[in-house]
Every structure is written in structure tokens, then in C-alpha cells.
Protein backbone atom coordinates (compact mmCIF):
# COMPACT_ATOMS: atom_id res chain seq x y z
CA MET A 1 -9.51 32.79 3.34
CA GLU A 2 -8.96 28.92 5.08
CA HIS A 3 -6.21 27.01 3.74
CA ILE A 4 -6.42 23.28 3.81
CA VAL A 5 -2.87 21.37 2.96
CA VAL A 6 -3.10 17.84 2.37
CA LEU A 7 0.23 15.76 2.50
CA GLY A 8 1.19 12.93 0.00
CA ALA A 9 -0.29 12.75 -3.45
CA GLY A 10 -0.86 9.24 -3.40
CA ALA A 11 -4.05 7.34 -3.96
CA GLY A 12 -5.83 8.89 -0.59
CA GLY A 13 -4.02 12.31 -0.86
CA ALA A 14 -5.40 12.84 -3.60
CA MET A 15 -8.31 11.86 -4.24
CA THR A 16 -9.15 13.39 -0.93
CA ALA A 17 -7.91 16.83 -2.58
CA ASN A 18 -9.90 16.82 -5.22
CA ILE A 19 -12.99 15.16 -3.35
CA LEU A 20 -12.90 18.20 -1.00
CA ARG A 21 -12.21 20.79 -4.26
CA ARG A 22 -15.15 19.80 -5.50
CA LYS A 23 -17.09 19.71 -2.35
CA LEU A 24 -15.69 23.53 -1.39
CA ASP A 25 -16.50 27.06 -2.62
CA ARG A 26 -12.89 28.18 -4.45
CA SER A 27 -13.56 31.39 -3.02
CA ASP A 28 -13.27 30.56 0.56
CA VAL A 29 -11.00 27.84 0.57
CA ARG A 30 -7.02 27.42 -0.79
CA ILE A 31 -6.40 23.45 -1.38
CA SER A 32 -2.53 22.81 -1.44
CA ILE A 33 -1.52 19.31 -2.04
CA VAL A 34 2.56 18.47 -1.83
CA ASP A 35 4.62 15.27 -2.67
CA LYS A 36 7.91 14.95 -3.11
CA SER A 37 7.54 13.42 -6.79
CA SER A 38 5.71 15.09 -9.58
CA LYS A 39 4.67 11.41 -10.80
CA HIS A 40 1.91 9.36 -9.19
CA VAL A 41 2.16 5.62 -9.78
CA TYR A 42 -0.34 2.91 -9.81
CA GLN A 43 0.88 0.56 -6.86
CA PRO A 44 -1.53 -2.17 -7.64
CA SER A 45 0.40 -2.89 -10.95
CA PHE A 46 4.01 -4.37 -8.92
CA TYR A 47 3.33 -7.50 -8.95
CA LEU A 48 1.52 -8.08 -11.93
CA ILE A 49 4.58 -6.16 -13.75
CA PRO A 50 7.03 -9.14 -13.44
CA PHE A 51 4.32 -11.84 -15.23
CA GLY A 52 3.71 -9.34 -18.05
CA TYR A 53 0.28 -8.56 -17.03
CA MET A 54 0.95 -5.00 -16.89
CA GLU A 55 3.28 -2.86 -18.76
CA PRO A 56 5.63 -0.88 -16.52
CA GLU A 57 5.13 2.54 -18.88
CA ASP A 58 1.32 2.64 -18.22
CA GLN A 59 1.82 3.05 -14.74
CA PHE A 60 2.59 6.51 -14.29
CA ARG A 61 0.94 9.96 -14.51
CA ASP A 62 2.07 13.00 -13.41
CA VAL A 63 0.20 14.68 -10.62
CA ARG A 64 -0.77 18.10 -11.95
CA ASP A 65 -2.47 16.22 -14.78
CA VAL A 66 -4.83 13.63 -12.16
CA MET A 67 -5.75 16.81 -9.85
CA GLN A 68 -8.48 19.02 -10.32
CA SER A 69 -8.09 22.66 -11.29
CA GLY A 70 -7.66 24.97 -8.37
CA VAL A 71 -5.63 21.95 -6.49
CA GLU A 72 -2.28 23.73 -5.74
CA PHE A 73 0.70 21.76 -6.07
CA VAL A 74 3.65 21.84 -3.97
CA GLU A 75 6.47 19.51 -4.82
CA ASP A 76 8.95 18.99 -2.24
CA GLU A 77 9.51 16.97 0.45
CA VAL A 78 7.99 17.14 3.65
CA VAL A 79 10.58 17.38 6.92
CA GLY A 80 8.25 17.75 9.90
CA ILE A 81 4.97 18.89 11.06
CA ASP A 82 3.85 21.41 13.61
CA PRO A 83 0.63 20.63 14.35
CA ASP A 84 0.59 23.34 17.26
CA ALA A 85 1.65 26.09 14.79
CA GLN A 86 -0.18 24.87 12.20
CA GLU A 87 2.77 24.57 10.44
CA VAL A 88 4.29 21.79 7.60
CA HIS A 89 8.29 21.68 7.53
CA LEU A 90 9.57 21.11 3.92
CA ASP A 91 13.06 20.21 2.58
CA ALA A 92 13.59 23.03 -0.22
CA ALA A 93 11.57 25.71 1.00
CA GLU A 94 12.86 28.30 3.53
CA ASP A 95 9.49 29.14 4.79
CA GLY A 96 6.84 26.87 6.55
CA LEU A 97 3.84 25.86 4.69
CA SER A 98 0.72 27.30 7.42
CA TYR A 99 -2.56 25.30 7.38
CA ASP A 100 -6.16 25.97 9.33
CA TYR A 101 -6.61 22.44 8.39
CA LEU A 102 -3.92 19.35 7.62
CA VAL A 103 -4.74 16.14 5.63
CA VAL A 104 -1.94 13.56 6.03
CA SER A 105 -1.69 10.68 3.49
CA LEU A 106 2.24 10.23 3.55
CA GLY A 107 2.11 6.54 3.21
CA HIS A 108 4.74 4.14 4.10
CA ARG A 109 8.30 4.22 3.91
CA LEU A 110 9.82 0.95 2.31
CA ALA A 111 13.21 -0.50 4.11
CA PRO A 112 14.74 -3.54 3.06
CA GLU A 113 17.80 -1.77 4.54
CA SER A 114 16.19 -2.66 7.60
CA ILE A 115 17.03 -6.40 7.02
CA PRO A 116 20.89 -7.10 6.55
CA GLY A 117 21.94 -7.99 3.31
CA MET A 118 18.34 -7.46 1.65
CA ALA A 119 19.40 -3.98 0.08
CA GLU A 120 22.66 -5.68 -0.78
CA GLY A 121 21.56 -8.93 -2.05
CA TRP A 122 19.08 -6.38 -4.49
CA GLU A 123 21.58 -4.28 -5.53
CA GLU A 124 24.55 -6.94 -5.82
CA THR A 125 23.11 -9.87 -7.47
CA ASP A 126 20.14 -11.04 -9.70
CA ALA A 127 18.35 -13.44 -7.43
CA VAL A 128 16.44 -10.98 -5.02
CA TYR A 129 13.63 -8.37 -6.22
CA PRO A 130 11.96 -6.86 -3.21
CA TYR A 131 9.02 -5.99 -5.90
CA TYR A 132 7.12 -3.40 -4.01
CA HIS A 133 9.39 -0.83 -5.41
CA TYR A 134 9.13 -0.23 -8.98
CA GLU A 135 12.68 -0.81 -9.59
CA ALA A 136 13.45 -4.58 -8.60
CA ALA A 137 9.02 -5.04 -10.04
CA VAL A 138 10.47 -4.20 -13.63
CA ALA A 139 13.82 -6.36 -13.39
CA MET A 140 12.44 -9.36 -11.73
CA ARG A 141 10.77 -9.85 -15.12
CA GLU A 142 13.55 -10.50 -16.69
CA ALA A 143 14.93 -12.76 -13.96
CA LEU A 144 11.88 -14.73 -14.27
CA GLU A 145 12.60 -15.15 -17.71
CA ASP A 146 15.96 -16.48 -17.09
CA PHE A 147 14.62 -18.85 -14.54
CA ASP A 148 14.94 -22.34 -15.58
CA GLY A 149 14.58 -23.70 -12.14
CA GLY A 150 15.54 -24.28 -7.94
CA THR A 151 13.29 -22.63 -4.95
CA PHE A 152 11.36 -19.48 -5.44
CA VAL A 153 10.53 -17.98 -2.08
CA VAL A 154 8.39 -14.94 -0.89
CA THR A 155 8.82 -13.49 2.07
CA VAL A 156 6.80 -11.43 4.63
CA PRO A 157 8.13 -8.66 7.16
CA ASP A 158 7.38 -8.40 11.03
CA THR A 159 5.50 -5.25 10.16
CA PRO A 160 2.53 -4.10 8.90
CA ILE A 161 2.78 -3.50 4.73
CA LYS A 162 0.64 -2.49 2.19
CA CYS A 163 -1.77 -4.55 0.37
CA GLY A 164 -1.24 -7.72 2.65
CA GLY A 165 -2.73 -9.65 -0.31
CA ALA A 166 0.35 -8.93 -2.35
CA PRO A 167 2.73 -11.87 -1.31
CA MET A 168 -0.05 -14.96 -1.91
CA LYS A 169 -0.61 -12.93 -5.01
CA MET A 170 2.65 -12.95 -6.42
CA THR A 171 3.59 -16.81 -4.62
CA MET A 172 0.01 -18.21 -6.96
CA LEU A 173 0.98 -16.27 -10.30
CA ALA A 174 5.10 -17.22 -10.23
CA GLU A 175 3.09 -20.92 -9.04
CA ASP A 176 1.35 -20.58 -12.50
CA TYR A 177 3.58 -19.08 -14.36
CA PHE A 178 6.56 -21.67 -13.79
CA GLN A 179 3.20 -24.26 -14.89
CA ARG A 180 2.95 -22.25 -18.00
CA GLN A 181 6.49 -22.53 -18.52
CA GLY A 182 6.69 -26.38 -18.44
CA ILE A 183 9.52 -26.16 -15.25
CA ARG A 184 7.22 -26.58 -12.57
CA ASP A 185 8.56 -29.89 -11.39
CA ASP A 186 11.63 -28.31 -11.32
CA VAL A 187 10.96 -25.58 -9.08
CA ASP A 188 10.14 -25.65 -5.28
CA VAL A 189 7.59 -22.63 -4.51
CA VAL A 190 7.49 -21.13 -0.58
CA MET A 191 5.84 -18.52 1.00
CA THR A 192 6.78 -17.29 4.94
CA LYS A 193 5.08 -15.42 7.00
CA PRO A 194 5.95 -14.02 10.53
CA GLY A 195 2.57 -15.15 11.85
CA ASP A 196 1.06 -18.82 12.00
CA ALA A 197 -1.79 -17.54 8.81
CA ILE A 198 -2.25 -17.20 5.38
CA PHE A 199 -4.08 -14.62 5.58
CA GLY A 200 -6.03 -12.78 8.39
CA VAL A 201 -9.60 -12.98 7.39
CA SER A 202 -11.97 -16.06 7.17
CA PRO A 203 -13.33 -17.30 5.05
CA TYR A 204 -10.50 -16.43 2.60
CA ARG A 205 -7.60 -17.76 4.64
CA GLU A 206 -9.65 -21.25 4.49
CA LYS A 207 -9.62 -20.68 0.92
CA LEU A 208 -5.91 -19.98 0.14
CA GLU A 209 -4.48 -23.19 2.42
CA GLU A 210 -6.71 -25.03 -0.02
CA ILE A 211 -5.17 -23.54 -2.84
CA PHE A 212 -1.97 -23.90 -1.68
CA GLU A 213 -2.27 -27.42 -0.45
CA ASP A 214 -4.07 -28.33 -3.87
CA ARG A 215 -0.88 -26.26 -5.65
CA ASP A 216 1.68 -27.96 -3.60
CA ILE A 217 2.78 -24.62 -2.44
CA GLU A 218 4.98 -24.40 0.55
CA PHE A 219 3.71 -21.87 3.25
CA GLU A 220 6.34 -21.72 6.00
CA PRO A 221 4.72 -19.98 9.11
CA ASN A 222 6.34 -18.28 12.26
CA PHE A 223 9.27 -17.63 10.34
CA THR A 224 10.38 -13.40 10.74
CA VAL A 225 13.25 -12.85 8.44
CA SER A 226 16.21 -11.46 10.30
CA GLU A 227 19.01 -11.43 7.95
CA VAL A 228 19.82 -12.50 4.06
CA ASP A 229 23.35 -14.01 3.20
CA TYR A 230 23.17 -12.81 -0.59
CA GLU A 231 26.85 -15.12 -1.14
CA ASN A 232 25.29 -18.06 -0.76
CA GLN A 233 21.50 -17.34 -1.19
CA ILE A 234 20.18 -18.50 2.29
CA ILE A 235 17.54 -16.76 4.53
CA HIS A 236 17.91 -16.85 8.18
CA SER A 237 14.97 -16.37 10.45
CA GLU A 238 14.52 -15.07 14.14
CA GLU A 239 13.38 -18.26 15.11
CA GLY A 240 16.69 -19.69 13.82
CA GLU A 241 15.54 -21.50 11.05
CA GLU A 242 17.14 -21.41 7.16
CA LEU A 243 15.96 -21.20 4.07
CA ASP A 244 17.79 -21.53 1.02
CA TYR A 245 16.70 -19.63 -2.61
CA ASP A 246 17.38 -19.52 -6.08
CA LEU A 247 14.78 -16.52 -6.86
CA TYR A 248 13.98 -14.36 -3.86
CA ALA A 249 10.98 -11.92 -3.86
CA PRO A 250 11.16 -10.50 -0.38
CA VAL A 251 8.27 -8.05 0.78
CA SER A 252 10.42 -4.91 2.78
CA PRO A 253 9.83 -3.87 6.23
CA GLN A 254 7.53 -0.82 6.34
CA TYR A 255 7.42 2.14 8.35
CA GLY A 256 5.90 5.64 8.78
CA GLN A 257 7.30 8.54 7.32
CA PRO A 258 10.28 9.94 9.48
CA ALA A 259 8.90 13.51 8.89
CA VAL A 260 5.75 12.13 11.25
CA THR A 261 7.07 9.74 13.51
CA GLU A 262 10.29 11.48 14.21
CA ASN A 263 9.34 15.13 13.41
CA SER A 264 6.10 15.79 14.67
CA PRO A 265 3.76 14.66 18.08
CA LEU A 266 0.72 13.06 15.53
CA THR A 267 2.06 9.78 16.00
CA GLU A 268 2.62 9.97 20.08
CA GLY A 269 -0.67 7.85 20.68
CA ASP A 270 -0.05 4.69 18.89
CA GLU A 271 1.32 2.56 21.35
CA GLU A 272 0.65 -0.56 19.36
CA ASN A 273 2.82 0.17 16.41
CA ASP A 274 5.44 2.15 18.11
CA GLY A 275 5.01 5.28 17.34
CA GLU A 276 5.04 4.42 13.57
CA TYR A 277 1.20 5.58 12.65
CA ILE A 278 -1.04 8.89 13.18
CA THR A 279 -3.33 8.20 15.88
CA VAL A 280 -7.14 8.91 14.45
CA ASP A 281 -10.49 7.88 15.37
CA ASP A 282 -11.43 4.86 13.92
CA TYR A 283 -14.48 6.29 12.45
CA THR A 284 -13.93 9.73 11.74
CA LEU A 285 -10.46 9.59 11.47
CA GLN A 286 -9.52 12.59 12.82
CA HIS A 287 -6.66 12.90 15.30
CA THR A 288 -6.77 12.35 18.85
CA GLU A 289 -5.72 15.41 19.94
CA TYR A 290 -5.85 17.98 17.15
CA ASP A 291 -9.16 18.28 15.90
CA ASN A 292 -8.13 20.76 12.50
CA VAL A 293 -5.76 17.20 11.48
CA PHE A 294 -6.70 14.26 9.68
CA ALA A 295 -4.81 11.24 8.32
CA LEU A 296 -5.53 7.92 6.28
CA GLY A 297 -4.01 5.60 4.19
CA ASP A 298 -1.08 3.74 4.96
CA ALA A 299 -0.29 6.52 7.25
CA ASP A 300 -3.06 6.29 9.88
CA ASP A 301 -3.37 3.65 12.73
CA THR A 302 -6.58 2.17 12.18
CA PRO A 303 -7.02 -1.68 12.30
CA LYS A 304 -7.37 -1.93 8.69
CA SER A 305 -6.23 -3.35 5.92
CA ARG A 306 -3.95 -0.80 3.69
CA THR A 307 -5.31 -0.92 0.20
CA ALA A 308 -5.97 1.42 -2.37
CA ALA A 309 -9.94 0.60 -2.20
CA ALA A 310 -9.50 1.63 1.99
CA ALA A 311 -8.02 4.87 1.09
CA ARG A 312 -10.85 5.13 -1.20
CA LYS A 313 -13.38 4.68 1.10
CA GLN A 314 -11.81 6.93 3.92
CA ALA A 315 -11.33 9.61 1.20
CA HIS A 316 -14.97 10.33 1.51
CA VAL A 317 -15.30 9.90 4.79
CA VAL A 318 -12.43 12.68 5.67
CA ALA A 319 -13.50 14.75 2.72
CA ASP A 320 -16.62 15.11 4.18
CA ASN A 321 -16.05 15.54 7.91
CA LEU A 322 -13.43 17.72 6.80
CA SER A 323 -15.65 20.32 5.01
CA SER A 324 -18.48 20.28 7.39
CA LEU A 325 -15.94 21.45 9.85
CA VAL A 326 -14.85 24.10 7.42
CA GLU A 327 -19.00 25.15 6.81
CA GLY A 328 -19.12 25.13 10.70
CA GLY A 329 -21.19 21.68 11.00
CA ARG A 330 -21.02 18.86 12.10
CA MET A 331 -18.91 15.72 11.25
CA THR A 332 -21.30 12.75 10.71
CA LYS A 333 -19.57 10.51 7.95
CA GLU A 334 -17.81 7.26 9.65
CA TYR A 335 -15.33 4.83 8.20
CA SER A 336 -16.57 1.05 8.42
CA GLY A 337 -13.54 -0.34 8.33
CA TYR A 338 -13.81 -1.37 4.52
CA ALA A 339 -10.81 -3.16 2.68
CA ALA A 340 -11.24 -5.18 -0.69
CA CYS A 341 -8.20 -7.35 -2.03
CA PRO A 342 -8.42 -8.98 -5.41
CA LEU A 343 -6.48 -12.02 -4.78
CA LEU A 344 -5.08 -13.23 -8.27
CA THR A 345 -4.75 -17.06 -7.93
CA LYS A 346 -3.52 -17.49 -11.45
CA LYS A 347 -4.09 -16.25 -15.11
CA GLY A 348 -7.64 -15.53 -15.40
CA LYS A 349 -9.01 -16.28 -11.87
CA ALA A 350 -9.17 -14.40 -9.06
CA MET A 351 -11.36 -14.04 -5.47
CA MET A 352 -12.22 -10.90 -4.08
CA ALA A 353 -11.61 -10.54 -0.31
CA GLU A 354 -13.69 -7.57 1.38
CA PHE A 355 -14.44 -6.95 4.70
CA ASP A 356 -14.69 -4.14 7.13
CA TYR A 357 -14.34 -3.91 11.19
CA GLU A 358 -16.88 -6.41 11.52
CA GLU A 359 -17.15 -9.01 8.75
CA SER A 360 -16.33 -10.57 5.65
CA ILE A 361 -18.28 -9.19 2.83
CA SER A 362 -17.81 -11.34 -0.38
CA ALA A 363 -17.54 -15.20 -0.81
CA PRO A 364 -14.78 -16.80 -1.37
CA VAL A 365 -15.19 -17.91 -5.07
CA GLU A 366 -12.21 -17.90 -7.53
CA SER A 367 -13.90 -16.40 -11.48
CA ARG A 368 -12.63 -14.90 -14.21
CA MET A 369 -15.12 -12.17 -14.16
CA ASN A 370 -12.81 -11.15 -11.02
CA TRP A 371 -9.71 -10.87 -13.02
CA ILE A 372 -11.08 -8.84 -15.85
CA MET A 373 -12.06 -6.39 -12.77
CA ASP A 374 -8.67 -6.38 -11.54
CA ILE A 375 -6.61 -6.36 -14.38
CA ASN A 376 -8.96 -4.45 -16.93
CA ILE A 377 -11.73 -2.64 -15.41
CA LEU A 378 -10.48 -1.26 -11.82
CA PRO A 379 -7.01 0.79 -13.29
CA SER A 380 -9.69 2.51 -15.79
CA PHE A 381 -11.90 3.24 -12.63
CA TYR A 382 -8.91 4.76 -10.46
CA TRP A 383 -7.51 6.43 -13.09
CA ASN A 384 -10.57 8.50 -14.28
CA ALA A 385 -12.94 7.97 -11.76
CA TRP A 386 -11.68 7.64 -8.09
CA MET A 387 -8.68 9.67 -8.48
CA ARG A 388 -10.44 12.72 -9.47
CA GLY A 389 -12.61 12.27 -6.70
CA TYR A 390 -15.71 10.71 -8.54
CA ASP A 391 -17.03 6.90 -7.10
CA PRO A 392 -19.36 5.48 -9.81
CA LEU A 393 -19.03 2.24 -7.35
CA PRO A 394 -20.64 1.79 -4.67
């Protein structure tokens, strides 16, 4: 019996395992999924929780409840991968987990500790909330309720990040929140980025620039955070700039998982990102050296935006191509680079950014329908259809 092992029970891994289980005969193929946590979390909620637009307790499901019957869940931490021996090394298990085919979707590693003072500011003060972490997102709600004025800052690291639109969403929702609280005149709202563009894709970039200007949101380009002086509440940049803050919502630097970056050869071809991501063909998502290995989500080196929408499209490509290999056929499915990001601009308004490797797809239009889609509709699709391996939307 062939054995497919999926590493990571996040969005990409869980969807892929469930699609594979539906496609392949259970008498011929065994499917296992490995994750160090038994809880699956809806990560797109993290920038919404601080403002009360989603509730913390609604964002978790047990992995076993998310998976199709017939998918074996292994609760353990992946510490290494030997693709030559076709074996995954686990933290608690004495013996490795062997496979015939491997899908890697281990996601990003959040590393606030890589910026001096960032983690300490989070742990030791009430002014620093790296909201890509669930605990920080929850704690930030109370901090916002207590905030009565000063400088609110969002920073973006000089690394690839999951959901590249989240810093803009945090910034715009915060500005709108301060308006609703009646303290906007007492707050300076600032967002920084290492590069010179608010957003990397036109025409959404130009629309965001217009929104920032109309709402007096300050954008500081070419600002790469180098240190956080949390005692004096000052952010230092590699470019020699300083920025004071009273409430700080940094995006943590993000890297590949040590199991693949340090304890496998799967990232060795990723020269552009210093070996942080698994090298795959941009279209088939098959590893460039090991034909029985695929990767998707935040873990691969494709030049895409790292979003759940991208992982959803990638999951179908990986599942279809891997199913073809298992059944002795050839791979025909190709990933287009599709990604989508609902850019929430204020309460009740959002703009949908959709694009692929070649072009932008949707118009840069703010609407209430886009807000309803992101807040009320997509979570239901996520839990009840996409995570189960079904796709009711094209």
C-alpha cells in the first residue's frame, strides 16, 4: 500500500490531505497528516479580533474534526526530513515516519525574537502587540479599549510574510476604530515598510495610496526595523531613522521551519530567500530534485502572495498531480499563482485584491458586499467546504 504523508495541518496541508482522501482508493493508499498541535486555527481572524469583528473562541477546531475519515492524524513535531531515505523525523517518536510521497505545508515560523527588543516589548510592556500571534491579537483588544491618544504604529519586516495585506488592514481598521471612538484627532496613525510601495500589485497599490492620503494615514517607506527600545518606546531602523510609539502593532519577521531549513536538503535551491523555502516548480508544485515531494502554502518558494486563498488553489493542484503520479499517469494541473486578499478599509467596507503570476483580476472597488464576504461568508466556506476538500467557489 502506498503511503502519502502530509506535513502540517494548517490550511494548505489539511485541504490537500482531504482532497487526496476523496480522490484515492482507501484500499490502495494510506494518508497521514502530521502536526505538533491538535488545534487548527482560522488565522485570517487575527487582525479582526482586536476590533471585536471576530471572537477568539470561534477560531479553533480540533484537527480530527476537520479531517476526512480515513486520514490518520499524527500529533508530533517534525524535526527533519530525509528525502533520500523517504523518511520524516519526529520529536517524540523513536522511529521515523516513512513515506512513498510527501507533501510539505509546515508554514512560516514567526520570529519576533529576531528583532532586539520586540519580544521583550511584548512580554514586559502593555504597548507592543505582534498581532500575527493569536495571544497578542487577543490582548490587543483590551489595549485598544484603554488607548486614548498618541502614536499608533504598524511595521512590516524585511522578510516574506503570510497575508501581505494584513498590515494595511490593521492600519486602516485602527484608523477607522479611532474615528469611531472619537479620538482620531488625538492619534497619529503610521505604517512603515522596508520597500517603497504600500502594496506590491497595481491597481490596488494606487487605491490604497489614495485611501491613506484621504484619511491622513502616514506611510513611512524604506523603514526596516532593526531594534525596538521598548523602555523608551522608540523603533529604530536600519536606515538610521527613529519612530516613537504609544501603541505598536508590529508584524513579526517570518522564516521557514527549521525542520526543512536546517534538517533537510529541500530548500537548498532557494538562493533568492537564503534557503528558507522549499524549491518547487512554480506551476506543478513538485520539488525540483525529488519527484515524490510536493510543497505548498507558506512553505514553498513560488513567487506568490502567501494567503489562505493561494493555499486553497495550490491544494487542488498538488492533490490532482500527486493523484496522477500514484495512479501511474502524468501531471496536467498547473498553479497560476492565484492569490486573493480582502482588503478591509473600514467597518462595513472592503476591497478585494485578486491576482496571479500575470495580472490583477478584480477591480479596486470598496464595497459593503466585500466586507460581508470576508466577515460573514468566507469563514463558513473555510470550515465547512474548503477545509473538507470541497470547493463551491470557482
